[in-house]
């Protein structure tokens, strides 16, 4: 599973936003985190579309959490930031058998599928609250 800068930046921004009581604007967040403003804006808009963040326009606008930190799983955050399902490899989420047509010859898929299951469980059980309190 490849986590890109999008996941990292989403988590860093969400940590900062969760620690504030007022909407946080993209300019402030990008300056404090040293992140490209345009890239961060795209990430935050994706998070807002998925109801992870709530956005406000205007002079005092910005972003706030749409839900409590303990309700936001890392899996939902990462999948939103990455715009795809978390995967160790393309075949690993398959729940039946090797989807690549290799059938009984594929000795790797069972291992990858078990790893995928453990990663999914970990990310489903870890929340934004867990990482802000770490």
N, C-alpha and C. Protein backbone atom coordinates (compact mmCIF):
# COMPACT_ATOMS: atom_id res chain seq x y z
N UNK A 1 0.85 -1.18 0.00
CA UNK A 1 0.00 0.00 0.00
C UNK A 1 0.89 1.23 0.00
N UNK A 2 0.71 2.04 -0.97
CA UNK A 2 1.49 3.25 -1.08
C UNK A 2 0.67 4.42 -0.59
N UNK A 3 1.12 5.03 0.48
CA UNK A 3 0.49 6.25 0.96
C UNK A 3 1.30 7.40 0.41
N UNK A 4 0.62 8.32 -0.21
CA UNK A 4 1.31 9.45 -0.83
C UNK A 4 1.30 10.65 0.11
N UNK A 5 1.87 11.74 -0.39
CA UNK A 5 1.87 12.99 0.36
C UNK A 5 0.45 13.45 0.66
N UNK A 6 -0.50 13.10 -0.18
CA UNK A 6 -1.89 13.50 0.04
C UNK A 6 -2.40 12.97 1.38
N UNK A 7 -2.11 11.72 1.69
CA UNK A 7 -2.52 11.15 2.99
C UNK A 7 -1.80 11.84 4.14
N UNK A 8 -0.51 12.02 3.98
CA UNK A 8 0.28 12.69 5.03
C UNK A 8 -0.26 14.10 5.29
N UNK A 9 -0.47 14.86 4.23
CA UNK A 9 -0.94 16.23 4.37
C UNK A 9 -2.35 16.28 4.94
N UNK A 10 -3.20 15.35 4.53
CA UNK A 10 -4.56 15.30 5.07
C UNK A 10 -4.53 15.08 6.57
N UNK A 11 -3.71 14.13 7.00
CA UNK A 11 -3.62 13.84 8.44
C UNK A 11 -3.03 15.01 9.22
N UNK A 12 -1.97 15.62 8.69
CA UNK A 12 -1.36 16.77 9.37
C UNK A 12 -2.35 17.93 9.48
N UNK A 13 -3.06 18.22 8.40
CA UNK A 13 -4.04 19.31 8.43
C UNK A 13 -5.18 19.00 9.39
N UNK A 14 -5.65 17.77 9.39
CA UNK A 14 -6.75 17.40 10.28
C UNK A 14 -6.33 17.49 11.75
N UNK A 15 -5.10 17.13 12.04
CA UNK A 15 -4.61 17.27 13.42
C UNK A 15 -4.65 18.74 13.83
N UNK A 16 -4.15 19.61 12.97
CA UNK A 16 -4.14 21.04 13.28
C UNK A 16 -5.56 21.58 13.42
N UNK A 17 -6.42 21.23 12.51
CA UNK A 17 -7.81 21.70 12.54
C UNK A 17 -8.51 21.22 13.80
N UNK A 18 -8.25 19.97 14.19
CA UNK A 18 -8.92 19.41 15.37
C UNK A 18 -8.51 20.09 16.66
N UNK A 19 -7.37 20.75 16.66
CA UNK A 19 -6.88 21.41 17.87
C UNK A 19 -7.34 22.85 17.99
N UNK A 20 -8.13 23.33 17.05
CA UNK A 20 -8.60 24.71 17.05
C UNK A 20 -10.11 24.76 17.22
N UNK A 21 -10.59 25.86 17.77
CA UNK A 21 -12.03 26.04 17.96
C UNK A 21 -12.67 26.91 16.88
N UNK A 22 -11.86 27.44 15.99
CA UNK A 22 -12.37 28.30 14.92
C UNK A 22 -11.95 27.72 13.57
N UNK A 23 -12.67 28.10 12.51
CA UNK A 23 -12.30 27.61 11.17
C UNK A 23 -10.86 28.00 10.82
N UNK A 24 -10.16 27.05 10.21
CA UNK A 24 -8.77 27.27 9.81
C UNK A 24 -8.72 27.42 8.30
N UNK A 25 -8.10 28.51 7.85
CA UNK A 25 -8.05 28.77 6.41
C UNK A 25 -6.84 28.08 5.78
N UNK A 26 -6.93 27.90 4.48
CA UNK A 26 -5.89 27.19 3.72
C UNK A 26 -4.55 27.92 3.80
N UNK A 27 -4.57 29.26 3.72
CA UNK A 27 -3.32 30.03 3.78
C UNK A 27 -2.56 29.73 5.07
N UNK A 28 -3.26 29.82 6.18
CA UNK A 28 -2.62 29.59 7.49
C UNK A 28 -2.08 28.17 7.59
N UNK A 29 -2.92 27.21 7.22
CA UNK A 29 -2.50 25.80 7.29
C UNK A 29 -1.31 25.52 6.38
N UNK A 30 -1.35 26.01 5.16
CA UNK A 30 -0.25 25.73 4.23
C UNK A 30 1.04 26.37 4.71
N UNK A 31 0.96 27.57 5.29
CA UNK A 31 2.16 28.23 5.83
C UNK A 31 2.72 27.48 7.03
N UNK A 32 1.85 27.08 7.95
CA UNK A 32 2.30 26.39 9.15
C UNK A 32 2.87 25.01 8.85
N UNK A 33 2.31 24.34 7.84
CA UNK A 33 2.75 22.99 7.51
C UNK A 33 3.82 22.97 6.41
N UNK A 34 4.04 24.09 5.77
CA UNK A 34 5.01 24.12 4.68
C UNK A 34 4.55 23.32 3.48
N UNK A 35 3.27 23.42 3.16
CA UNK A 35 2.65 22.64 2.08
C UNK A 35 2.15 23.61 1.01
N UNK A 36 2.21 23.20 -0.24
CA UNK A 36 1.66 23.97 -1.34
C UNK A 36 0.19 24.30 -1.06
N UNK A 37 -0.16 25.57 -1.17
CA UNK A 37 -1.53 26.01 -0.90
C UNK A 37 -2.53 25.34 -1.83
N UNK A 38 -2.22 25.27 -3.12
CA UNK A 38 -3.17 24.69 -4.08
C UNK A 38 -3.37 23.20 -3.83
N UNK A 39 -2.29 22.48 -3.54
CA UNK A 39 -2.40 21.05 -3.26
C UNK A 39 -3.21 20.81 -1.98
N UNK A 40 -2.93 21.57 -0.94
CA UNK A 40 -3.66 21.43 0.31
C UNK A 40 -5.13 21.77 0.12
N UNK A 41 -5.42 22.81 -0.65
CA UNK A 41 -6.82 23.19 -0.90
C UNK A 41 -7.59 22.04 -1.55
N UNK A 42 -6.97 21.36 -2.51
CA UNK A 42 -7.63 20.22 -3.16
C UNK A 42 -7.91 19.10 -2.16
N UNK A 43 -6.95 18.83 -1.30
CA UNK A 43 -7.12 17.78 -0.29
C UNK A 43 -8.25 18.14 0.67
N UNK A 44 -8.25 19.38 1.14
CA UNK A 44 -9.27 19.81 2.10
C UNK A 44 -10.65 19.81 1.46
N UNK A 45 -10.75 20.18 0.20
CA UNK A 45 -12.04 20.13 -0.49
C UNK A 45 -12.54 18.69 -0.62
N UNK A 46 -11.64 17.76 -0.89
CA UNK A 46 -12.02 16.34 -0.94
C UNK A 46 -12.55 15.88 0.41
N UNK A 47 -11.86 16.29 1.46
CA UNK A 47 -12.30 15.92 2.81
C UNK A 47 -13.66 16.54 3.14
N UNK A 48 -13.90 17.75 2.65
CA UNK A 48 -15.20 18.39 2.87
C UNK A 48 -16.31 17.68 2.10
N UNK A 49 -16.02 17.25 0.86
CA UNK A 49 -17.02 16.52 0.06
C UNK A 49 -17.44 15.21 0.73
N UNK A 50 -16.52 14.63 1.49
CA UNK A 50 -16.82 13.35 2.15
C UNK A 50 -17.30 13.54 3.60
N UNK A 51 -17.66 14.78 3.95
CA UNK A 51 -18.17 15.10 5.29
C UNK A 51 -17.20 14.80 6.42
N UNK A 52 -15.92 14.89 6.10
CA UNK A 52 -14.90 14.81 7.14
C UNK A 52 -14.64 16.21 7.67
N UNK A 53 -14.70 17.18 6.77
CA UNK A 53 -14.57 18.59 7.13
C UNK A 53 -15.83 19.33 6.71
N UNK A 54 -16.03 20.46 7.36
CA UNK A 54 -17.07 21.39 6.96
C UNK A 54 -16.35 22.66 6.55
N UNK A 55 -16.75 23.25 5.43
CA UNK A 55 -16.06 24.46 4.95
C UNK A 55 -16.99 25.66 5.06
N UNK A 56 -16.36 26.79 5.34
CA UNK A 56 -17.07 28.06 5.46
C UNK A 56 -16.38 29.07 4.56
N UNK A 57 -17.17 29.82 3.81
CA UNK A 57 -16.63 30.85 2.92
C UNK A 57 -16.62 32.20 3.64
N UNK A 58 -15.87 33.11 3.08
CA UNK A 58 -15.88 34.46 3.60
C UNK A 58 -14.63 34.83 4.37
N UNK A 59 -14.65 36.05 4.92
CA UNK A 59 -13.48 36.60 5.62
C UNK A 59 -13.05 35.74 6.81
N UNK A 60 -14.01 35.17 7.48
CA UNK A 60 -13.67 34.33 8.64
C UNK A 60 -13.92 32.86 8.33
N UNK A 61 -13.81 32.53 7.06
CA UNK A 61 -14.06 31.17 6.62
C UNK A 61 -12.88 30.25 6.87
N UNK A 62 -13.05 29.04 6.45
CA UNK A 62 -12.02 28.02 6.62
C UNK A 62 -12.67 26.67 6.81
N UNK A 63 -11.95 25.80 7.50
CA UNK A 63 -12.40 24.42 7.68
C UNK A 63 -12.45 24.05 9.15
N UNK A 64 -13.47 23.30 9.51
CA UNK A 64 -13.59 22.69 10.84
C UNK A 64 -13.96 21.23 10.64
N UNK A 65 -13.75 20.43 11.65
CA UNK A 65 -14.16 19.03 11.57
C UNK A 65 -15.68 18.94 11.47
N UNK A 66 -16.17 18.08 10.62
CA UNK A 66 -17.61 17.86 10.48
C UNK A 66 -18.10 16.84 11.50
N UNK A 67 -17.18 16.06 12.03
CA UNK A 67 -17.52 15.05 13.04
C UNK A 67 -16.47 15.08 14.13
N UNK A 68 -16.76 14.39 15.21
CA UNK A 68 -15.81 14.31 16.31
C UNK A 68 -14.59 13.49 15.88
N UNK A 69 -13.40 13.82 16.40
CA UNK A 69 -12.18 13.08 16.02
C UNK A 69 -12.30 11.56 16.24
N UNK A 70 -13.02 11.15 17.25
CA UNK A 70 -13.15 9.71 17.50
C UNK A 70 -14.08 9.01 16.50
N UNK A 71 -14.77 9.79 15.67
CA UNK A 71 -15.64 9.22 14.64
C UNK A 71 -14.97 9.14 13.27
N UNK A 72 -13.77 9.68 13.16
CA UNK A 72 -13.06 9.72 11.88
C UNK A 72 -11.95 8.67 11.86
N UNK A 73 -12.17 7.60 11.12
CA UNK A 73 -11.15 6.55 11.06
C UNK A 73 -10.03 6.95 10.10
N UNK A 74 -8.85 6.42 10.37
CA UNK A 74 -7.74 6.69 9.45
C UNK A 74 -8.05 6.13 8.07
N UNK A 75 -8.75 5.02 8.02
CA UNK A 75 -9.08 4.42 6.72
C UNK A 75 -9.94 5.38 5.90
N UNK A 76 -10.95 5.98 6.51
CA UNK A 76 -11.81 6.89 5.76
C UNK A 76 -11.04 8.13 5.31
N UNK A 77 -10.15 8.62 6.16
CA UNK A 77 -9.34 9.79 5.82
C UNK A 77 -8.39 9.47 4.66
N UNK A 78 -7.68 8.36 4.78
CA UNK A 78 -6.70 7.98 3.76
C UNK A 78 -7.38 7.69 2.42
N UNK A 79 -8.49 6.96 2.45
CA UNK A 79 -9.18 6.65 1.20
C UNK A 79 -9.72 7.91 0.53
N UNK A 80 -10.14 8.87 1.33
CA UNK A 80 -10.60 10.14 0.77
C UNK A 80 -9.43 10.91 0.16
N UNK A 81 -8.32 10.99 0.88
CA UNK A 81 -7.15 11.73 0.39
C UNK A 81 -6.56 11.07 -0.86
N UNK A 82 -6.51 9.75 -0.87
CA UNK A 82 -5.93 9.02 -1.99
C UNK A 82 -6.90 8.83 -3.15
N UNK A 83 -8.18 9.00 -2.88
CA UNK A 83 -9.24 8.81 -3.87
C UNK A 83 -9.29 7.37 -4.40
N UNK A 84 -8.95 6.44 -3.52
CA UNK A 84 -9.05 5.03 -3.88
C UNK A 84 -9.01 4.19 -2.61
N UNK A 85 -9.39 2.94 -2.77
CA UNK A 85 -9.39 1.99 -1.67
C UNK A 85 -7.96 1.71 -1.24
N UNK A 86 -7.75 1.51 0.07
CA UNK A 86 -6.42 1.14 0.54
C UNK A 86 -6.12 -0.28 0.06
N UNK A 87 -4.92 -0.46 -0.51
CA UNK A 87 -4.54 -1.76 -1.04
C UNK A 87 -3.06 -2.02 -0.83
N UNK A 88 -2.72 -3.22 -0.41
CA UNK A 88 -1.32 -3.64 -0.36
C UNK A 88 -0.84 -3.81 -1.80
N UNK A 89 -1.60 -4.57 -2.57
CA UNK A 89 -1.42 -4.74 -4.01
C UNK A 89 -2.82 -4.75 -4.62
N UNK A 90 -2.91 -4.60 -5.92
CA UNK A 90 -4.22 -4.55 -6.56
C UNK A 90 -5.07 -5.78 -6.26
N UNK A 91 -4.44 -6.92 -6.10
CA UNK A 91 -5.21 -8.15 -5.90
C UNK A 91 -5.57 -8.39 -4.44
N UNK A 92 -4.93 -7.73 -3.52
CA UNK A 92 -5.09 -8.09 -2.11
C UNK A 92 -6.49 -7.89 -1.54
N UNK A 93 -7.29 -6.91 -1.99
CA UNK A 93 -8.63 -6.80 -1.39
C UNK A 93 -9.61 -7.89 -1.80
N UNK A 94 -9.32 -8.62 -2.86
CA UNK A 94 -10.22 -9.68 -3.30
C UNK A 94 -10.45 -10.66 -2.16
N UNK A 95 -11.71 -11.00 -1.91
CA UNK A 95 -12.03 -11.86 -0.79
C UNK A 95 -12.20 -13.33 -1.15
N UNK A 96 -12.18 -13.66 -2.43
CA UNK A 96 -12.45 -15.05 -2.82
C UNK A 96 -11.19 -15.83 -3.14
N UNK A 97 -10.43 -15.37 -4.08
CA UNK A 97 -9.19 -16.04 -4.46
C UNK A 97 -8.42 -15.12 -5.39
N UNK A 98 -7.29 -15.55 -5.83
CA UNK A 98 -6.45 -14.74 -6.71
C UNK A 98 -7.27 -14.23 -7.90
N UNK A 99 -7.48 -12.91 -7.99
CA UNK A 99 -8.27 -12.38 -9.09
C UNK A 99 -7.50 -12.23 -10.40
N UNK A 100 -6.21 -12.53 -10.38
CA UNK A 100 -5.39 -12.35 -11.57
C UNK A 100 -5.43 -13.52 -12.53
N UNK A 101 -6.28 -14.50 -12.28
CA UNK A 101 -6.41 -15.64 -13.18
C UNK A 101 -5.33 -16.69 -13.01
N UNK A 102 -4.52 -16.58 -11.97
CA UNK A 102 -3.45 -17.54 -11.76
C UNK A 102 -3.91 -18.75 -10.97
N UNK A 103 -5.11 -18.64 -10.38
CA UNK A 103 -5.71 -19.77 -9.67
C UNK A 103 -4.80 -20.36 -8.62
N UNK A 104 -4.64 -21.68 -8.64
CA UNK A 104 -3.86 -22.39 -7.64
C UNK A 104 -2.37 -22.11 -7.74
N UNK A 105 -1.93 -21.52 -8.83
CA UNK A 105 -0.50 -21.24 -9.00
C UNK A 105 -0.04 -20.02 -8.20
N UNK A 106 -0.97 -19.17 -7.81
CA UNK A 106 -0.61 -17.96 -7.08
C UNK A 106 -0.43 -18.29 -5.60
N UNK A 107 0.79 -18.22 -5.15
CA UNK A 107 1.11 -18.50 -3.75
C UNK A 107 1.20 -17.22 -2.93
N UNK A 108 1.18 -16.09 -3.60
CA UNK A 108 1.36 -14.80 -2.93
C UNK A 108 0.02 -14.23 -2.45
N UNK A 109 -1.05 -14.42 -3.22
CA UNK A 109 -2.33 -13.81 -2.90
C UNK A 109 -2.82 -14.13 -1.49
N UNK A 110 -2.79 -15.37 -1.00
CA UNK A 110 -3.28 -15.62 0.36
C UNK A 110 -2.56 -14.78 1.42
N UNK A 111 -1.25 -14.64 1.28
CA UNK A 111 -0.48 -13.81 2.20
C UNK A 111 -0.90 -12.35 2.09
N UNK A 112 -1.00 -11.84 0.86
CA UNK A 112 -1.38 -10.44 0.65
C UNK A 112 -2.78 -10.16 1.17
N UNK A 113 -3.69 -11.11 0.99
CA UNK A 113 -5.05 -10.94 1.46
C UNK A 113 -5.09 -10.87 2.99
N UNK A 114 -4.31 -11.72 3.67
CA UNK A 114 -4.24 -11.66 5.13
C UNK A 114 -3.64 -10.35 5.61
N UNK A 115 -2.60 -9.90 4.94
CA UNK A 115 -1.99 -8.61 5.27
C UNK A 115 -2.99 -7.48 5.06
N UNK A 116 -3.72 -7.52 3.95
CA UNK A 116 -4.73 -6.50 3.66
C UNK A 116 -5.79 -6.46 4.76
N UNK A 117 -6.23 -7.61 5.20
CA UNK A 117 -7.24 -7.69 6.25
C UNK A 117 -6.74 -7.05 7.53
N UNK A 118 -5.50 -7.33 7.90
CA UNK A 118 -4.93 -6.75 9.12
C UNK A 118 -4.76 -5.24 9.00
N UNK A 119 -4.32 -4.77 7.86
CA UNK A 119 -4.17 -3.33 7.65
C UNK A 119 -5.53 -2.65 7.69
N UNK A 120 -6.52 -3.24 7.04
CA UNK A 120 -7.87 -2.66 7.05
C UNK A 120 -8.42 -2.58 8.47
N UNK A 121 -8.23 -3.64 9.24
CA UNK A 121 -8.71 -3.64 10.63
C UNK A 121 -8.01 -2.55 11.44
N UNK A 122 -6.70 -2.43 11.27
CA UNK A 122 -5.94 -1.42 11.99
C UNK A 122 -6.43 -0.02 11.63
N UNK A 123 -6.56 0.26 10.34
CA UNK A 123 -6.98 1.59 9.91
C UNK A 123 -8.43 1.89 10.27
N UNK A 124 -9.28 0.86 10.30
CA UNK A 124 -10.68 1.04 10.71
C UNK A 124 -10.81 1.31 12.20
N UNK A 125 -9.86 0.81 12.98
CA UNK A 125 -9.94 0.96 14.43
C UNK A 125 -9.14 2.14 14.97
N UNK A 126 -8.30 2.73 14.15
CA UNK A 126 -7.50 3.89 14.56
C UNK A 126 -8.23 5.14 14.10
N UNK A 127 -8.38 6.10 15.01
CA UNK A 127 -9.12 7.31 14.68
C UNK A 127 -8.21 8.54 14.75
N UNK A 128 -8.75 9.64 14.27
CA UNK A 128 -8.03 10.91 14.36
C UNK A 128 -7.74 11.23 15.83
N UNK A 129 -8.67 10.91 16.71
CA UNK A 129 -8.45 11.14 18.14
C UNK A 129 -7.23 10.37 18.63
N UNK A 130 -7.09 9.14 18.18
CA UNK A 130 -5.95 8.31 18.61
C UNK A 130 -4.63 8.95 18.23
N UNK A 131 -4.54 9.51 17.04
CA UNK A 131 -3.25 10.08 16.62
C UNK A 131 -3.02 11.48 17.20
N UNK A 132 -4.09 12.18 17.56
CA UNK A 132 -3.89 13.49 18.18
C UNK A 132 -3.49 13.36 19.64
N UNK A 133 -3.79 12.23 20.23
CA UNK A 133 -3.44 12.01 21.63
C UNK A 133 -2.14 11.26 21.79
N UNK A 134 -1.55 10.81 20.69
CA UNK A 134 -0.31 10.02 20.75
C UNK A 134 0.87 10.88 21.16
